[in-house]
Each structure stands twice: as structure tokens, then as C-alpha cells.
Amino acid sequence: QVQLVESGGGLVQPGGILTLSCTGTGSIFTYNAVGWYRQAPGKERELLATIFETGPTHYADAVKGRFTAYSDIEMNTVYLTMNSLKPEDTAVYYCYGRDFSDGSDYWGRGTQVTVSS
């Protein structure tokens, strides 16, 4: 499987903006769908966004209107731009690829995003 690698996390002030990137050791677009999820301390993993081959991108209610997931095939990269960041957005953010043929999701090591003044 293609190994996924996230980057771009860091410390951001509330109300700030940050863009995360995800690339891979091979073409990440061999996956049938790609997207992002996060896991905050003491919380369950939360799906944030999924980009499908066709149709609209899915967003979780918690980030709808604030976060935008998009892909650049030429750069072999999926991005997540996060606007109007809140302290409750603090989490480890992971990108994932979904293989419809076996029903499995694959993910990277994650990148920490901390929203604090």
C-alpha cells in the first residue's frame, strides 16, 4: 500500500488559519477515496472530510463551512485548509486513503494541531 505522510501541523491562535498537506510514497490517488480525520485527547477518532472520485466532498458538521479539503493530482497531495480555528479543533490530524476493493482504510502517522493563545 502507498504510505501516507501528513505535514503542516503546529501551534495556531484561535481564529487563525492553517493548511495541512498529505502526500505519499506512491500515487495517493490510487485509493478510491481520500480524506482527513482527527483524534483529540480522550476522544474517539472523528472523520472530517472525504473526497470521492465524483460528487461532492463530505464534511463533518463540526467543520463544515470552516474546513476545506482539496487535492492536487500533479503534486500528489491532498490538503486540508482550516479556517476560524477553535481550541476544540486541537487534535492529531490524519489523512487516509480508502480501498473499496477490500474495504480498508489506510492512514499516516498524523500531524499535531494545537489551537491556543
Protein backbone atom coordinates (compact mmCIF):
# COMPACT_ATOMS: atom_id res chain seq x y z
CA GLN A 1 0.00 0.00 0.00
CA VAL A 2 1.01 3.61 -0.53
CA GLN A 3 2.39 5.13 2.65
CA LEU A 4 0.73 8.41 3.59
CA VAL A 5 2.61 11.28 5.23
CA GLU A 6 0.98 14.32 6.81
CA SER A 7 2.68 17.65 7.44
CA GLY A 8 1.88 21.26 8.30
CA GLY A 9 0.69 20.98 11.86
CA GLY A 10 1.71 23.34 14.61
CA LEU A 11 0.56 25.91 17.13
CA VAL A 12 -2.14 28.29 15.89
CA GLN A 13 -4.02 31.08 17.63
CA PRO A 14 -7.81 30.90 17.89
CA GLY A 15 -9.37 32.38 14.78
CA GLY A 16 -6.30 31.55 12.74
CA ILE A 17 -5.84 29.57 9.55
CA LEU A 18 -3.65 26.58 8.79
CA THR A 19 -3.24 24.25 5.83
CA LEU A 20 -2.23 20.63 6.23
CA SER A 21 -0.73 18.52 3.47
CA CYS A 22 -0.73 14.81 2.78
CA THR A 23 1.40 13.06 0.21
CA GLY A 24 2.60 9.51 -0.27
CA THR A 25 5.40 7.19 -1.30
CA GLY A 26 3.38 6.39 -4.41
CA SER A 27 0.33 7.93 -6.03
CA ILE A 28 -2.19 8.57 -3.28
CA PHE A 29 -4.91 8.75 -5.92
CA THR A 30 -4.78 5.03 -6.49
CA TYR A 31 -7.05 4.98 -3.44
CA ASN A 32 -10.74 5.14 -4.28
CA ALA A 33 -11.29 7.99 -1.83
CA VAL A 34 -9.02 10.18 0.26
CA GLY A 35 -9.69 12.43 3.20
CA TRP A 36 -8.95 13.52 6.71
CA TYR A 37 -9.82 12.60 10.24
CA ARG A 38 -8.64 13.72 13.66
CA GLN A 39 -8.38 12.45 17.19
CA ALA A 40 -8.37 14.74 20.20
CA PRO A 41 -7.04 13.63 23.60
CA GLY A 42 -9.57 11.38 25.31
CA LYS A 43 -11.88 11.45 22.30
CA GLU A 44 -12.86 8.99 19.61
CA ARG A 45 -11.46 9.35 16.14
CA GLU A 46 -13.57 11.80 14.14
CA LEU A 47 -13.98 11.73 10.38
CA LEU A 48 -13.67 15.25 8.98
CA ALA A 49 -13.75 15.14 5.20
CA THR A 50 -13.78 12.65 2.37
CA ILE A 51 -13.02 13.39 -1.28
CA PHE A 52 -14.63 10.96 -3.68
CA GLU A 53 -13.85 10.43 -7.35
CA THR A 54 -17.18 12.02 -8.23
CA GLY A 55 -19.77 14.03 -6.39
CA PRO A 56 -19.38 16.49 -3.54
CA THR A 57 -16.84 16.28 -0.78
CA HIS A 58 -18.29 15.16 2.52
CA TYR A 59 -17.67 17.26 5.63
CA ALA A 60 -18.48 16.62 9.24
CA ASP A 61 -20.87 19.10 10.81
CA ALA A 62 -18.22 20.24 13.27
CA VAL A 63 -16.03 21.62 10.48
CA LYS A 64 -18.49 22.34 7.69
CA GLY A 65 -18.06 25.89 6.43
CA ARG A 66 -14.67 26.25 8.10
CA PHE A 67 -12.52 23.45 6.69
CA THR A 68 -11.88 22.74 3.04
CA ALA A 69 -10.35 19.54 1.69
CA TYR A 70 -8.95 19.53 -1.81
CA SER A 71 -6.49 17.61 -3.94
CA ASP A 72 -3.75 18.37 -6.44
CA ILE A 73 -3.04 15.37 -8.62
CA GLU A 74 0.08 16.89 -10.18
CA MET A 75 1.55 17.41 -6.72
CA ASN A 76 0.32 14.03 -5.46
CA THR A 77 -1.06 15.89 -2.47
CA VAL A 78 -4.28 16.26 -0.54
CA TYR A 79 -4.76 19.42 1.51
CA LEU A 80 -6.92 20.49 4.40
CA THR A 81 -7.30 24.23 4.90
CA MET A 82 -8.68 25.05 8.31
CA ASN A 83 -10.23 28.47 8.91
CA SER A 84 -11.53 30.14 12.06
CA LEU A 85 -9.74 27.63 14.23
CA LYS A 86 -11.06 26.98 17.71
CA PRO A 87 -9.41 25.46 20.77
CA GLU A 88 -11.67 22.42 20.35
CA ASP A 89 -10.02 21.78 16.98
CA THR A 90 -6.87 20.75 18.84
CA ALA A 91 -6.09 17.18 17.81
CA VAL A 92 -3.80 14.93 15.85
CA TYR A 93 -4.87 15.15 12.23
CA TYR A 94 -4.55 12.18 9.90
CA CYS A 95 -5.11 11.77 6.21
CA TYR A 96 -6.46 8.49 4.91
CA GLY A 97 -6.99 6.56 1.75
CA ARG A 98 -9.82 4.11 1.25
CA ASP A 99 -9.58 0.99 -0.87
CA PHE A 100 -13.06 -0.05 -1.95
CA SER A 101 -11.83 -3.44 -3.14
CA ASP A 102 -11.03 -4.66 0.36
CA GLY A 103 -12.96 -2.11 2.42
CA SER A 104 -9.83 -1.00 4.24
CA ASP A 105 -8.69 2.47 5.26
CA TYR A 106 -5.02 3.40 5.40
CA TRP A 107 -3.57 6.36 7.24
CA GLY A 108 -0.35 8.15 8.07
CA ARG A 109 1.35 8.96 11.35
CA GLY A 110 -0.60 12.18 11.82
CA THR A 111 0.36 15.78 12.49
CA GLN A 112 -0.42 17.67 15.69
CA VAL A 113 -2.54 20.82 15.52
CA THR A 114 -2.81 22.87 18.69
CA VAL A 115 -5.12 25.88 18.80
CA SER A 116 -4.27 28.10 21.73
CA SER A 117 -3.47 31.70 22.54
